[in-house]
Amino acid sequence: MSATKKALITGITGQDGSYLSELLLAKGYEVHGLVRRSSSFNTERLDHMFQDPHEVSRTLWLHHGDLTDGTGLVNLLREVQPDEVYNLGAQSHVRVSFDMPDYTADVTGAGTIRLLEAIRAADVETRFYQASSSEMFGSSPPPQNEDTVFHPRSPYGVAKLFGYWATVNYRESYGLFASNGILFNHESPRRGETFVTRKITRAVARIAAGLQTELFLGNVDAVRDWGYAAEYVEAMWRMLQHDTPGDWVIGTGTAGSVRDFAEVAFAHAGLDLDKHLRYDRRYNRPAEVDALVADASRAEAAFGWKASTHWEDLAKLMVDADRRILEDELAGRLVRIDR
């Protein structure tokens, strides 16, 4: 291994990938990211970390590739020789997974085993992190911990469960240092705009600015344990620094309903939710997950991670960020989402 640690991140252009890149760069890593080829740029979350490709001391590298291309993964691993691999790439929208089950299974599920097999085929000595999900618990009652029975209620949850067990299997079969982070919902101003928390906070900003009047949501009674994504990437990194690989639940231990989150967000801007909230059944899932609440006590005991930001403060943080972003847009200023 080189003196400078190298990390390979799939899904580097996403919310978690961008925060993890910041964390690793700050720790002196050389960071390599897998980016799907597109005719348009999709690296907005990384723009503030951009480094000139001609820079000799460059520490952030982006490589075109895809979790559906096993051969490409083998070649990339041989080229980079990473000390750590973080598999954050996925089709990660739960509701969309019902509309695109085949694609979700291929990328989110089979993509994980392709990457694990690529590590084995490339004969790379590395540590592997799999981004597992609380959606794997599905209808199992809260609080959920590492011993809770899995019962996924969506193609996304099923695909993540495949990736979870593939990670365990490669750890047990080949001695790979492979860990699962079972992360509960984690949000930020970098969250995709179609995810419910960001949809809410963007609506607050636009309603406060007089640009829209209504917010359409589906099931507002679903209860979730929302944490701050910028803190959760620290847990990912700590898992790979731990002496032994394992599987850990990551969450705050506190939860609220979608309605609760929306009420706090609207109230933070001096708005009344009930004057603007409208129901649209199209946003409901064919099978709902009623409540997800983490018991992350084992992660705290194993490597000292504990959430600092809980959902009420997170809602306010995201509203403030979306109002600033909207102000920048209306003023014609360059919009940054590195907040």
C-alpha atoms as a PDB file:
ATOM      1  CA  MET A   1       0.000   0.000   0.000  1.00  0.00           C
ATOM      2  CA  SER A   2       1.115   3.535  -0.734  1.00  0.00           C
ATOM      3  CA  ALA A   3       1.849   6.026   2.045  1.00  0.00           C
ATOM      4  CA  THR A   4      -1.217   8.019   1.012  1.00  0.00           C
ATOM      5  CA  LYS A   5      -4.391   6.015   1.481  1.00  0.00           C
ATOM      6  CA  LYS A   6      -6.588   5.590  -1.567  1.00  0.00           C
ATOM      7  CA  ALA A   7     -10.363   5.249  -1.502  1.00  0.00           C
ATOM      8  CA  LEU A   8     -12.741   4.302  -4.299  1.00  0.00           C
ATOM      9  CA  ILE A   9     -16.327   5.563  -3.958  1.00  0.00           C
ATOM     10  CA  THR A  10     -19.213   4.415  -6.115  1.00  0.00           C
ATOM     11  CA  GLY A  11     -22.071   6.903  -6.090  1.00  0.00           C
ATOM     12  CA  ILE A  12     -19.599   9.718  -5.488  1.00  0.00           C
ATOM     13  CA  THR A  13     -21.866  12.304  -7.159  1.00  0.00           C
ATOM     14  CA  GLY A  14     -24.686  11.646  -4.676  1.00  0.00           C
ATOM     15  CA  GLN A  15     -25.395  13.199  -1.302  1.00  0.00           C
ATOM     16  CA  ASP A  16     -23.366  10.687   0.723  1.00  0.00           C
ATOM     17  CA  GLY A  17     -20.604  10.427  -1.859  1.00  0.00           C
ATOM     18  CA  SER A  18     -19.936  14.147  -1.768  1.00  0.00           C
ATOM     19  CA  TYR A  19     -19.825  14.334   2.035  1.00  0.00           C
ATOM     20  CA  LEU A  20     -17.630  11.244   2.234  1.00  0.00           C
ATOM     21  CA  SER A  21     -15.267  12.719  -0.358  1.00  0.00           C
ATOM     22  CA  GLU A  22     -14.890  15.861   1.747  1.00  0.00           C
ATOM     23  CA  LEU A  23     -14.193  13.800   4.852  1.00  0.00           C
ATOM     24  CA  LEU A  24     -11.585  11.597   3.196  1.00  0.00           C
ATOM     25  CA  LEU A  25      -9.832  14.477   1.424  1.00  0.00           C
ATOM     26  CA  ALA A  26      -9.595  16.285   4.762  1.00  0.00           C
ATOM     27  CA  LYS A  27      -7.956  13.168   6.201  1.00  0.00           C
ATOM     28  CA  GLY A  28      -5.338  13.168   3.459  1.00  0.00           C
ATOM     29  CA  TYR A  29      -6.764  10.442   1.233  1.00  0.00           C
ATOM     30  CA  GLU A  30      -6.498  10.219  -2.522  1.00  0.00           C
ATOM     31  CA  VAL A  31     -10.137   9.831  -3.564  1.00  0.00           C
ATOM     32  CA  HIS A  32     -11.348   8.078  -6.714  1.00  0.00           C
ATOM     33  CA  GLY A  33     -14.982   8.144  -7.734  1.00  0.00           C
ATOM     34  CA  LEU A  34     -17.087   6.114 -10.136  1.00  0.00           C
ATOM     35  CA  VAL A  35     -19.268   8.323 -12.338  1.00  0.00           C
ATOM     36  CA  ARG A  36     -21.883   7.154 -14.837  1.00  0.00           C
ATOM     37  CA  ARG A  37     -21.358   8.578 -18.328  1.00  0.00           C
ATOM     38  CA  SER A  38     -23.978  11.142 -19.271  1.00  0.00           C
ATOM     39  CA  SER A  39     -24.361  13.751 -22.003  1.00  0.00           C
ATOM     40  CA  SER A  40     -24.838  16.333 -19.257  1.00  0.00           C
ATOM     41  CA  PHE A  41     -22.740  17.078 -16.193  1.00  0.00           C
ATOM     42  CA  ASN A  42     -23.999  15.515 -12.972  1.00  0.00           C
ATOM     43  CA  THR A  43     -21.191  16.511 -10.627  1.00  0.00           C
ATOM     44  CA  GLU A  44     -22.774  19.579  -8.982  1.00  0.00           C
ATOM     45  CA  ARG A  45     -22.259  18.229  -5.467  1.00  0.00           C
ATOM     46  CA  LEU A  46     -18.528  17.915  -6.168  1.00  0.00           C
ATOM     47  CA  ASP A  47     -17.937  21.220  -7.945  1.00  0.00           C
ATOM     48  CA  HIS A  48     -16.547  22.947  -4.860  1.00  0.00           C
ATOM     49  CA  MET A  49     -13.932  20.165  -4.606  1.00  0.00           C
ATOM     50  CA  PHE A  50     -12.956  20.341  -8.276  1.00  0.00           C
ATOM     51  CA  GLN A  51      -9.261  19.981  -9.057  1.00  0.00           C
ATOM     52  CA  ASP A  52      -7.653  20.746 -12.393  1.00  0.00           C
ATOM     53  CA  PRO A  53      -6.974  17.447 -14.205  1.00  0.00           C
ATOM     54  CA  HIS A  54      -3.521  18.762 -15.084  1.00  0.00           C
ATOM     55  CA  GLU A  55      -2.594  19.394 -11.439  1.00  0.00           C
ATOM     56  CA  VAL A  56       0.344  17.200 -10.424  1.00  0.00           C
ATOM     57  CA  SER A  57      -0.704  16.908  -6.780  1.00  0.00           C
ATOM     58  CA  ARG A  58      -4.302  16.108  -7.630  1.00  0.00           C
ATOM     59  CA  THR A  59      -6.165  14.083  -4.957  1.00  0.00           C
ATOM     60  CA  LEU A  60      -9.683  13.758  -6.449  1.00  0.00           C
ATOM     61  CA  TRP A  61     -10.112  11.581  -9.518  1.00  0.00           C
ATOM     62  CA  LEU A  62     -13.326  10.734 -11.350  1.00  0.00           C
ATOM     63  CA  HIS A  63     -13.622   7.645 -13.551  1.00  0.00           C
ATOM     64  CA  HIS A  64     -16.429   6.762 -15.925  1.00  0.00           C
ATOM     65  CA  GLY A  65     -17.975   3.417 -15.088  1.00  0.00           C
ATOM     66  CA  ASP A  66     -21.097   1.639 -13.902  1.00  0.00           C
ATOM     67  CA  LEU A  67     -22.111  -1.006 -11.390  1.00  0.00           C
ATOM     68  CA  THR A  68     -23.633  -2.973 -14.270  1.00  0.00           C
ATOM     69  CA  ASP A  69     -20.211  -3.370 -15.930  1.00  0.00           C
ATOM     70  CA  GLY A  70     -18.279  -6.066 -14.079  1.00  0.00           C
ATOM     71  CA  THR A  71     -15.287  -6.018 -16.422  1.00  0.00           C
ATOM     72  CA  GLY A  72     -14.934  -2.276 -16.069  1.00  0.00           C
ATOM     73  CA  LEU A  73     -14.978  -2.612 -12.285  1.00  0.00           C
ATOM     74  CA  VAL A  74     -12.168  -5.171 -12.356  1.00  0.00           C
ATOM     75  CA  ASN A  75     -10.043  -2.934 -14.575  1.00  0.00           C
ATOM     76  CA  LEU A  76     -10.678   0.130 -12.403  1.00  0.00           C
ATOM     77  CA  LEU A  77      -9.764  -1.702  -9.197  1.00  0.00           C
ATOM     78  CA  ARG A  78      -6.524  -2.939 -10.757  1.00  0.00           C
ATOM     79  CA  GLU A  79      -5.700   0.594 -11.880  1.00  0.00           C
ATOM     80  CA  VAL A  80      -6.514   2.398  -8.625  1.00  0.00           C
ATOM     81  CA  GLN A  81      -5.479  -0.280  -6.086  1.00  0.00           C
ATOM     82  CA  PRO A  82      -7.654   1.286  -3.376  1.00  0.00           C
ATOM     83  CA  ASP A  83      -7.121   0.680   0.331  1.00  0.00           C
ATOM     84  CA  GLU A  84     -10.833   1.216   0.931  1.00  0.00           C
ATOM     85  CA  VAL A  85     -13.919   0.793  -1.270  1.00  0.00           C
ATOM     86  CA  TYR A  86     -17.219   2.460  -0.383  1.00  0.00           C
ATOM     87  CA  ASN A  87     -20.191   1.157  -2.342  1.00  0.00           C
ATOM     88  CA  LEU A  88     -22.723   4.002  -2.206  1.00  0.00           C
ATOM     89  CA  GLY A  89     -23.974   3.607  -5.790  1.00  0.00           C
ATOM     90  CA  ALA A  90     -27.615   2.580  -6.195  1.00  0.00           C
ATOM     91  CA  GLN A  91     -31.028   3.359  -7.582  1.00  0.00           C
ATOM     92  CA  SER A  92     -31.951   4.688  -4.160  1.00  0.00           C
ATOM     93  CA  HIS A  93     -35.484   6.081  -4.480  1.00  0.00           C
ATOM     94  CA  VAL A  94     -37.886   3.693  -2.752  1.00  0.00           C
ATOM     95  CA  ARG A  95     -41.048   4.782  -4.561  1.00  0.00           C
ATOM     96  CA  VAL A  96     -39.299   4.702  -7.956  1.00  0.00           C
ATOM     97  CA  SER A  97     -38.128   1.143  -7.253  1.00  0.00           C
ATOM     98  CA  PHE A  98     -41.739  -0.020  -7.661  1.00  0.00           C
ATOM     99  CA  ASP A  99     -41.775   1.514 -11.142  1.00  0.00           C
ATOM    100  CA  MET A 100     -38.277   0.259 -12.067  1.00  0.00           C
ATOM    101  CA  PRO A 101     -37.865  -3.028 -10.180  1.00  0.00           C
ATOM    102  CA  ASP A 102     -35.593  -4.722 -12.752  1.00  0.00           C
ATOM    103  CA  TYR A 103     -33.207  -1.788 -12.927  1.00  0.00           C
ATOM    104  CA  THR A 104     -33.199  -1.406  -9.135  1.00  0.00           C
ATOM    105  CA  ALA A 105     -32.385  -5.096  -8.696  1.00  0.00           C
ATOM    106  CA  ASP A 106     -29.607  -4.921 -11.272  1.00  0.00           C
ATOM    107  CA  VAL A 107     -27.844  -1.840  -9.949  1.00  0.00           C
ATOM    108  CA  THR A 108     -28.647  -1.846  -6.240  1.00  0.00           C
ATOM    109  CA  GLY A 109     -28.594  -5.614  -5.726  1.00  0.00           C
ATOM    110  CA  ALA A 110     -26.522  -7.349  -8.378  1.00  0.00           C
ATOM    111  CA  GLY A 111     -24.230  -4.318  -8.631  1.00  0.00           C
ATOM    112  CA  THR A 112     -22.989  -5.052  -5.119  1.00  0.00           C
ATOM    113  CA  ILE A 113     -21.978  -8.623  -5.885  1.00  0.00           C
ATOM    114  CA  ARG A 114     -20.346  -7.473  -9.146  1.00  0.00           C
ATOM    115  CA  LEU A 115     -18.181  -5.089  -7.139  1.00  0.00           C
ATOM    116  CA  LEU A 116     -17.350  -7.722  -4.523  1.00  0.00           C
ATOM    117  CA  GLU A 117     -16.441 -10.221  -7.232  1.00  0.00           C
ATOM    118  CA  ALA A 118     -14.385  -7.548  -8.998  1.00  0.00           C
ATOM    119  CA  ILE A 119     -12.382  -7.026  -5.794  1.00  0.00           C
ATOM    120  CA  ARG A 120     -11.746 -10.768  -5.645  1.00  0.00           C
ATOM    121  CA  ALA A 121     -10.919 -11.038  -9.356  1.00  0.00           C
ATOM    122  CA  ALA A 122      -8.583  -8.039  -9.283  1.00  0.00           C
ATOM    123  CA  ASP A 123      -6.859  -9.506  -6.222  1.00  0.00           C
ATOM    124  CA  VAL A 124      -6.872  -6.119  -4.484  1.00  0.00           C
ATOM    125  CA  GLU A 125      -6.112  -5.937  -0.773  1.00  0.00           C
ATOM    126  CA  THR A 126      -8.831  -3.564   0.373  1.00  0.00           C
ATOM    127  CA  ARG A 127     -11.547  -2.937   2.929  1.00  0.00           C
ATOM    128  CA  PHE A 128     -15.127  -2.824   1.671  1.00  0.00           C
ATOM    129  CA  TYR A 129     -18.093  -0.793   2.918  1.00  0.00           C
ATOM    130  CA  GLN A 130     -21.614  -1.649   1.754  1.00  0.00           C
ATOM    131  CA  ALA A 131     -24.310   1.009   2.093  1.00  0.00           C
ATOM    132  CA  SER A 132     -27.140  -1.091   3.465  1.00  0.00           C
ATOM    133  CA  SER A 133     -30.486   0.418   4.408  1.00  0.00           C
ATOM    134  CA  SER A 134     -33.088   0.487   7.164  1.00  0.00           C
ATOM    135  CA  GLU A 135     -35.606  -0.284   4.405  1.00  0.00           C
ATOM    136  CA  MET A 136     -34.464  -3.894   4.757  1.00  0.00           C
ATOM    137  CA  PHE A 137     -36.352  -4.032   8.070  1.00  0.00           C
ATOM    138  CA  GLY A 138     -39.603  -3.030   6.397  1.00  0.00           C
ATOM    139  CA  SER A 139     -42.555  -4.157   8.512  1.00  0.00           C
ATOM    140  CA  SER A 140     -40.518  -5.360  11.512  1.00  0.00           C
ATOM    141  CA  PRO A 141     -41.566  -3.212  14.500  1.00  0.00           C
ATOM    142  CA  PRO A 142     -39.224  -0.556  15.932  1.00  0.00           C
ATOM    143  CA  PRO A 143     -36.786  -0.007  17.433  1.00  0.00           C
ATOM    144  CA  GLN A 144     -34.644  -1.954  14.958  1.00  0.00           C
ATOM    145  CA  ASN A 145     -31.125  -3.173  15.685  1.00  0.00           C
ATOM    146  CA  GLU A 146     -28.668  -5.691  14.240  1.00  0.00           C
ATOM    147  CA  ASP A 147     -30.772  -8.623  15.506  1.00  0.00           C
ATOM    148  CA  THR A 148     -34.089  -7.422  14.065  1.00  0.00           C
ATOM    149  CA  VAL A 149     -35.673  -9.700  11.459  1.00  0.00           C
ATOM    150  CA  PHE A 150     -35.544  -8.329   7.907  1.00  0.00           C
ATOM    151  CA  HIS A 151     -38.862  -7.929   6.074  1.00  0.00           C
ATOM    152  CA  PRO A 152     -38.386  -5.508   3.157  1.00  0.00           C
ATOM    153  CA  ARG A 153     -41.484  -3.919   1.619  1.00  0.00           C
ATOM    154  CA  SER A 154     -40.138  -2.567  -1.683  1.00  0.00           C
ATOM    155  CA  PRO A 155     -37.951  -3.674  -4.591  1.00  0.00           C
ATOM    156  CA  TYR A 156     -35.343  -1.260  -3.216  1.00  0.00           C
ATOM    157  CA  GLY A 157     -35.411  -2.937   0.189  1.00  0.00           C
ATOM    158  CA  VAL A 158     -35.204  -6.380  -1.421  1.00  0.00           C
ATOM    159  CA  ALA A 159     -32.240  -5.296  -3.574  1.00  0.00           C
ATOM    160  CA  LYS A 160     -30.450  -3.817  -0.565  1.00  0.00           C
ATOM    161  CA  LEU A 161     -31.010  -7.062   1.322  1.00  0.00           C
ATOM    162  CA  PHE A 162     -29.352  -8.954  -1.534  1.00  0.00           C
ATOM    163  CA  GLY A 163     -26.356  -6.609  -1.280  1.00  0.00           C
ATOM    164  CA  TYR A 164     -26.264  -7.020   2.504  1.00  0.00           C
ATOM    165  CA  TRP A 165     -26.093 -10.816   2.372  1.00  0.00           C
ATOM    166  CA  ALA A 166     -23.646 -10.744  -0.548  1.00  0.00           C
ATOM    167  CA  THR A 167     -21.327  -8.661   1.647  1.00  0.00           C
ATOM    168  CA  VAL A 168     -21.667 -11.100   4.550  1.00  0.00           C
ATOM    169  CA  ASN A 169     -21.101 -14.035   2.185  1.00  0.00           C
ATOM    170  CA  TYR A 170     -17.892 -12.625   0.698  1.00  0.00           C
ATOM    171  CA  ARG A 171     -16.625 -11.843   4.188  1.00  0.00           C
ATOM    172  CA  GLU A 172     -17.274 -15.403   5.348  1.00  0.00           C
ATOM    173  CA  SER A 173     -16.289 -17.173   2.119  1.00  0.00           C
ATOM    174  CA  TYR A 174     -13.145 -15.284   1.119  1.00  0.00           C
ATOM    175  CA  GLY A 175     -12.035 -13.511   4.294  1.00  0.00           C
ATOM    176  CA  LEU A 176     -12.704 -10.097   2.761  1.00  0.00           C
ATOM    177  CA  PHE A 177     -12.796  -7.181   5.201  1.00  0.00           C
ATOM    178  CA  ALA A 178     -16.377  -6.275   4.314  1.00  0.00           C
ATOM    179  CA  SER A 179     -18.786  -4.355   6.524  1.00  0.00           C
ATOM    180  CA  ASN A 180     -22.434  -3.368   6.219  1.00  0.00           C
ATOM    181  CA  GLY A 181     -23.592   0.016   7.443  1.00  0.00           C
ATOM    182  CA  ILE A 182     -27.360  -0.299   7.989  1.00  0.00           C
ATOM    183  CA  LEU A 183     -28.090   3.410   7.757  1.00  0.00           C
ATOM    184  CA  PHE A 184     -31.454   4.843   8.673  1.00  0.00           C
ATOM    185  CA  ASN A 185     -32.788   7.847   6.740  1.00  0.00           C
ATOM    186  CA  HIS A 186     -30.175  10.568   6.482  1.00  0.00           C
ATOM    187  CA  GLU A 187     -30.795  13.913   4.844  1.00  0.00           C
ATOM    188  CA  SER A 188     -29.127  17.233   4.091  1.00  0.00           C
ATOM    189  CA  PRO A 189     -29.335  20.258   1.778  1.00  0.00           C
ATOM    190  CA  ARG A 190     -27.665  17.997  -0.802  1.00  0.00           C
ATOM    191  CA  ARG A 191     -30.530  15.497  -0.740  1.00  0.00           C
ATOM    192  CA  GLY A 192     -32.195  14.879  -4.093  1.00  0.00           C
ATOM    193  CA  GLU A 193     -35.177  17.143  -4.692  1.00  0.00           C
ATOM    194  CA  THR A 194     -37.665  14.262  -5.126  1.00  0.00           C
ATOM    195  CA  PHE A 195     -36.986  12.784  -1.682  1.00  0.00           C
ATOM    196  CA  VAL A 196     -39.687  13.757   0.789  1.00  0.00           C
ATOM    197  CA  THR A 197     -37.606  15.802   3.238  1.00  0.00           C
ATOM    198  CA  ARG A 198     -36.010  17.934   0.529  1.00  0.00           C
ATOM    199  CA  LYS A 199     -39.340  18.199  -1.277  1.00  0.00           C
ATOM    200  CA  ILE A 200     -40.780  19.659   1.918  1.00  0.00           C
ATOM    201  CA  THR A 201     -37.963  22.115   2.634  1.00  0.00           C
ATOM    202  CA  ARG A 202     -37.821  23.338  -0.979  1.00  0.00           C
ATOM    203  CA  ALA A 203     -41.571  23.889  -0.870  1.00  0.00           C
ATOM    204  CA  VAL A 204     -41.198  25.916   2.329  1.00  0.00           C
ATOM    205  CA  ALA A 205     -38.630  28.157   0.643  1.00  0.00           C
ATOM    206  CA  ARG A 206     -40.771  28.649  -2.462  1.00  0.00           C
ATOM    207  CA  ILE A 207     -44.017  29.240  -0.546  1.00  0.00           C
ATOM    208  CA  ALA A 208     -42.285  31.762   1.719  1.00  0.00           C
ATOM    209  CA  ALA A 209     -41.039  33.533  -1.421  1.00  0.00           C
ATOM    210  CA  GLY A 210     -44.497  33.508  -3.018  1.00  0.00           C
ATOM    211  CA  LEU A 211     -43.476  31.189  -5.857  1.00  0.00           C
ATOM    212  CA  GLN A 212     -45.902  28.358  -5.042  1.00  0.00           C
ATOM    213  CA  THR A 213     -48.876  27.814  -2.768  1.00  0.00           C
ATOM    214  CA  GLU A 214     -49.289  24.046  -2.348  1.00  0.00           C
ATOM    215  CA  LEU A 215     -47.276  21.018  -1.296  1.00  0.00           C
ATOM    216  CA  PHE A 216     -48.517  17.616  -2.478  1.00  0.00           C
ATOM    217  CA  LEU A 217     -47.573  14.584  -0.386  1.00  0.00           C
ATOM    218  CA  GLY A 218     -48.720  10.998  -0.033  1.00  0.00           C
ATOM    219  CA  ASN A 219     -48.633   9.107   3.280  1.00  0.00           C
ATOM    220  CA  VAL A 220     -47.736  11.646   5.965  1.00  0.00           C
ATOM    221  CA  ASP A 221     -48.153   9.189   8.854  1.00  0.00           C
ATOM    222  CA  ALA A 222     -45.005   7.176   8.094  1.00  0.00           C
ATOM    223  CA  VAL A 223     -42.508   7.484  10.964  1.00  0.00           C
ATOM    224  CA  ARG A 224     -38.793   7.777  10.250  1.00  0.00           C
ATOM    225  CA  ASP A 225     -35.514   8.257  12.109  1.00  0.00           C
ATOM    226  CA  TRP A 226     -33.910  11.110  10.168  1.00  0.00           C
ATOM    227  CA  GLY A 227     -30.263  12.050  10.717  1.00  0.00           C
ATOM    228  CA  TYR A 228     -27.745  14.391   9.117  1.00  0.00           C
ATOM    229  CA  ALA A 229     -25.849  12.815   6.210  1.00  0.00           C
ATOM    230  CA  ALA A 230     -22.684  14.819   6.900  1.00  0.00           C
ATOM    231  CA  GLU A 231     -22.409  12.994  10.246  1.00  0.00           C
ATOM    232  CA  TYR A 232     -23.267   9.554   8.880  1.00  0.00           C
ATOM    233  CA  VAL A 233     -20.275   9.401   6.533  1.00  0.00           C
ATOM    234  CA  GLU A 234     -18.054   9.557   9.621  1.00  0.00           C
ATOM    235  CA  ALA A 235     -19.667   6.284  10.727  1.00  0.00           C
ATOM    236  CA  MET A 236     -18.875   4.734   7.329  1.00  0.00           C
ATOM    237  CA  TRP A 237     -15.226   5.654   7.662  1.00  0.00           C
ATOM    238  CA  ARG A 238     -15.011   4.458  11.258  1.00  0.00           C
ATOM    239  CA  MET A 239     -16.360   1.039  10.280  1.00  0.00           C
ATOM    240  CA  LEU A 240     -13.422   0.511   7.946  1.00  0.00           C
ATOM    241  CA  GLN A 241     -10.928   1.633  10.602  1.00  0.00           C
ATOM    242  CA  HIS A 242     -12.342  -0.850  13.125  1.00  0.00           C
ATOM    243  CA  ASP A 243     -10.219  -3.889  13.967  1.00  0.00           C
ATOM    244  CA  THR A 244     -12.740  -6.365  12.598  1.00  0.00           C
ATOM    245  CA  PRO A 245     -15.463  -6.172   9.936  1.00  0.00           C
ATOM    246  CA  GLY A 246     -19.106  -6.368  10.931  1.00  0.00           C
ATOM    247  CA  ASP A 247     -22.630  -5.089  10.407  1.00  0.00           C
ATOM    248  CA  TRP A 248     -23.868  -2.022  12.270  1.00  0.00           C
ATOM    249  CA  VAL A 249     -27.061  -0.014  12.544  1.00  0.00           C
ATOM    250  CA  ILE A 250     -26.589   3.761  12.236  1.00  0.00           C
ATOM    251  CA  GLY A 251     -29.324   6.210  13.302  1.00  0.00           C
ATOM    252  CA  THR A 252     -30.324   8.806  15.869  1.00  0.00           C
ATOM    253  CA  GLY A 253     -32.793   6.809  17.957  1.00  0.00           C
ATOM    254  CA  THR A 254     -35.395   9.576  17.676  1.00  0.00           C
ATOM    255  CA  ALA A 255     -38.151   9.769  15.109  1.00  0.00           C
ATOM    256  CA  GLY A 256     -41.126  11.685  13.844  1.00  0.00           C
ATOM    257  CA  SER A 257     -43.744  11.316  11.152  1.00  0.00           C
ATOM    258  CA  VAL A 258     -43.574  12.934   7.747  1.00  0.00           C
ATOM    259  CA  ARG A 259     -46.248  15.333   9.002  1.00  0.00           C
ATOM    260  CA  ASP A 260     -44.129  16.135  12.075  1.00  0.00           C
ATOM    261  CA  PHE A 261     -41.126  16.946   9.863  1.00  0.00           C
ATOM    262  CA  ALA A 262     -43.273  19.140   7.617  1.00  0.00           C
ATOM    263  CA  GLU A 263     -44.835  20.985  10.564  1.00  0.00           C
ATOM    264  CA  VAL A 264     -41.421  21.855  12.013  1.00  0.00           C
ATOM    265  CA  ALA A 265     -40.132  22.932   8.591  1.00  0.00           C
ATOM    266  CA  PHE A 266     -43.128  25.178   7.849  1.00  0.00           C
ATOM    267  CA  ALA A 267     -43.217  26.657  11.350  1.00  0.00           C
ATOM    268  CA  HIS A 268     -39.522  27.533  11.072  1.00  0.00           C
ATOM    269  CA  ALA A 269     -40.431  29.870   8.194  1.00  0.00           C
ATOM    270  CA  GLY A 270     -43.498  31.228   9.990  1.00  0.00           C
ATOM    271  CA  LEU A 271     -45.925  29.224   7.825  1.00  0.00           C
ATOM    272  CA  ASP A 272     -48.965  27.102   8.653  1.00  0.00           C
ATOM    273  CA  LEU A 273     -48.636  23.647   7.115  1.00  0.00           C
ATOM    274  CA  ASP A 274     -52.377  22.981   6.983  1.00  0.00           C
ATOM    275  CA  LYS A 275     -52.926  25.962   4.708  1.00  0.00           C
ATOM    276  CA  HIS A 276     -50.636  24.490   2.055  1.00  0.00           C
ATOM    277  CA  LEU A 277     -50.581  20.682   2.418  1.00  0.00           C
ATOM    278  CA  ARG A 278     -52.506  18.655  -0.153  1.00  0.00           C
ATOM    279  CA  TYR A 279     -52.843  14.865  -0.478  1.00  0.00           C
ATOM    280  CA  ASP A 280     -51.907  13.016  -3.681  1.00  0.00           C
ATOM    281  CA  ARG A 281     -52.368   9.245  -3.618  1.00  0.00           C
ATOM    282  CA  ARG A 282     -49.887   8.841  -6.489  1.00  0.00           C
ATOM    283  CA  TYR A 283     -47.074   9.334  -3.984  1.00  0.00           C
ATOM    284  CA  ASN A 284     -48.174   6.352  -1.879  1.00  0.00           C
ATOM    285  CA  ARG A 285     -46.229   3.100  -2.130  1.00  0.00           C
ATOM    286  CA  PRO A 286     -47.956  -0.196  -3.003  1.00  0.00           C
ATOM    287  CA  ALA A 287     -46.595  -1.530   0.319  1.00  0.00           C
ATOM    288  CA  GLU A 288     -45.891   0.930   3.114  1.00  0.00           C
ATOM    289  CA  VAL A 289     -43.267   0.866   5.858  1.00  0.00           C
ATOM    290  CA  ASP A 290     -44.943   2.283   8.943  1.00  0.00           C
ATOM    291  CA  ALA A 291     -42.058   3.010  11.306  1.00  0.00           C
ATOM    292  CA  LEU A 292     -38.257   2.858  11.283  1.00  0.00           C
ATOM    293  CA  VAL A 293     -36.388   3.875  14.458  1.00  0.00           C
ATOM    294  CA  ALA A 294     -32.756   2.918  15.031  1.00  0.00           C
ATOM    295  CA  ASP A 295     -31.070   1.385  18.024  1.00  0.00           C
ATOM    296  CA  ALA A 296     -27.461   2.300  17.205  1.00  0.00           C
ATOM    297  CA  SER A 297     -26.010   1.433  20.596  1.00  0.00           C
ATOM    298  CA  ARG A 298     -23.657  -1.207  19.189  1.00  0.00           C
ATOM    299  CA  ALA A 299     -22.019   1.250  16.807  1.00  0.00           C
ATOM    300  CA  GLU A 300     -21.431   3.649  19.692  1.00  0.00           C
ATOM    301  CA  ALA A 301     -19.893   0.864  21.767  1.00  0.00           C
ATOM    302  CA  ALA A 302     -17.774  -0.501  18.906  1.00  0.00           C
ATOM    303  CA  PHE A 303     -16.284   2.665  17.424  1.00  0.00           C
ATOM    304  CA  GLY A 304     -17.707   5.626  19.326  1.00  0.00           C
ATOM    305  CA  TRP A 305     -20.152   6.994  16.769  1.00  0.00           C
ATOM    306  CA  LYS A 306     -23.265   8.811  17.953  1.00  0.00           C
ATOM    307  CA  ALA A 307     -25.560  11.205  16.108  1.00  0.00           C
ATOM    308  CA  SER A 308     -25.479  14.866  17.146  1.00  0.00           C
ATOM    309  CA  THR A 309     -28.171  16.311  14.860  1.00  0.00           C
ATOM    310  CA  HIS A 310     -31.734  15.034  15.275  1.00  0.00           C
ATOM    311  CA  TRP A 311     -34.674  15.478  12.946  1.00  0.00           C
ATOM    312  CA  GLU A 312     -36.125  18.726  14.322  1.00  0.00           C
ATOM    313  CA  ASP A 313     -32.825  20.599  13.966  1.00  0.00           C
ATOM    314  CA  LEU A 314     -32.223  18.896  10.633  1.00  0.00           C
ATOM    315  CA  ALA A 315     -35.547  20.186   9.276  1.00  0.00           C
ATOM    316  CA  LYS A 316     -34.614  23.744  10.286  1.00  0.00           C
ATOM    317  CA  LEU A 317     -31.096  23.392   8.856  1.00  0.00           C
ATOM    318  CA  MET A 318     -32.495  22.240   5.508  1.00  0.00           C
ATOM    319  CA  VAL A 319     -35.105  25.015   5.368  1.00  0.00           C
ATOM    320  CA  ASP A 320     -32.430  27.649   5.994  1.00  0.00           C
ATOM    321  CA  ALA A 321     -30.234  26.155   3.266  1.00  0.00           C
ATOM    322  CA  ASP A 322     -33.055  25.966   0.712  1.00  0.00           C
ATOM    323  CA  ARG A 323     -34.049  29.556   1.394  1.00  0.00           C
ATOM    324  CA  ARG A 324     -30.449  30.647   0.787  1.00  0.00           C
ATOM    325  CA  ILE A 325     -30.275  28.577  -2.395  1.00  0.00           C
ATOM    326  CA  LEU A 326     -33.504  30.119  -3.670  1.00  0.00           C
ATOM    327  CA  GLU A 327     -32.275  33.625  -2.850  1.00  0.00           C
ATOM    328  CA  ASP A 328     -29.125  32.937  -4.874  1.00  0.00           C
ATOM    329  CA  GLU A 329     -31.206  31.639  -7.799  1.00  0.00           C
ATOM    330  CA  LEU A 330     -33.513  34.667  -7.798  1.00  0.00           C
ATOM    331  CA  ALA A 331     -30.555  37.043  -7.564  1.00  0.00           C
ATOM    332  CA  GLY A 332     -28.818  35.330 -10.471  1.00  0.00           C
ATOM    333  CA  ARG A 333     -25.905  34.270  -8.314  1.00  0.00           C
ATOM    334  CA  LEU A 334     -24.016  31.012  -8.737  1.00  0.00           C
ATOM    335  CA  VAL A 335     -25.890  28.394  -6.706  1.00  0.00           C
ATOM    336  CA  ARG A 336     -23.755  26.179  -4.510  1.00  0.00           C
ATOM    337  CA  ILE A 337     -25.035  23.020  -2.847  1.00  0.00           C
ATOM    338  CA  ASP A 338     -21.897  22.405  -0.782  1.00  0.00           C
ATOM    339  CA  ARG A 339     -23.701  23.577   2.346  1.00  0.00           C
END
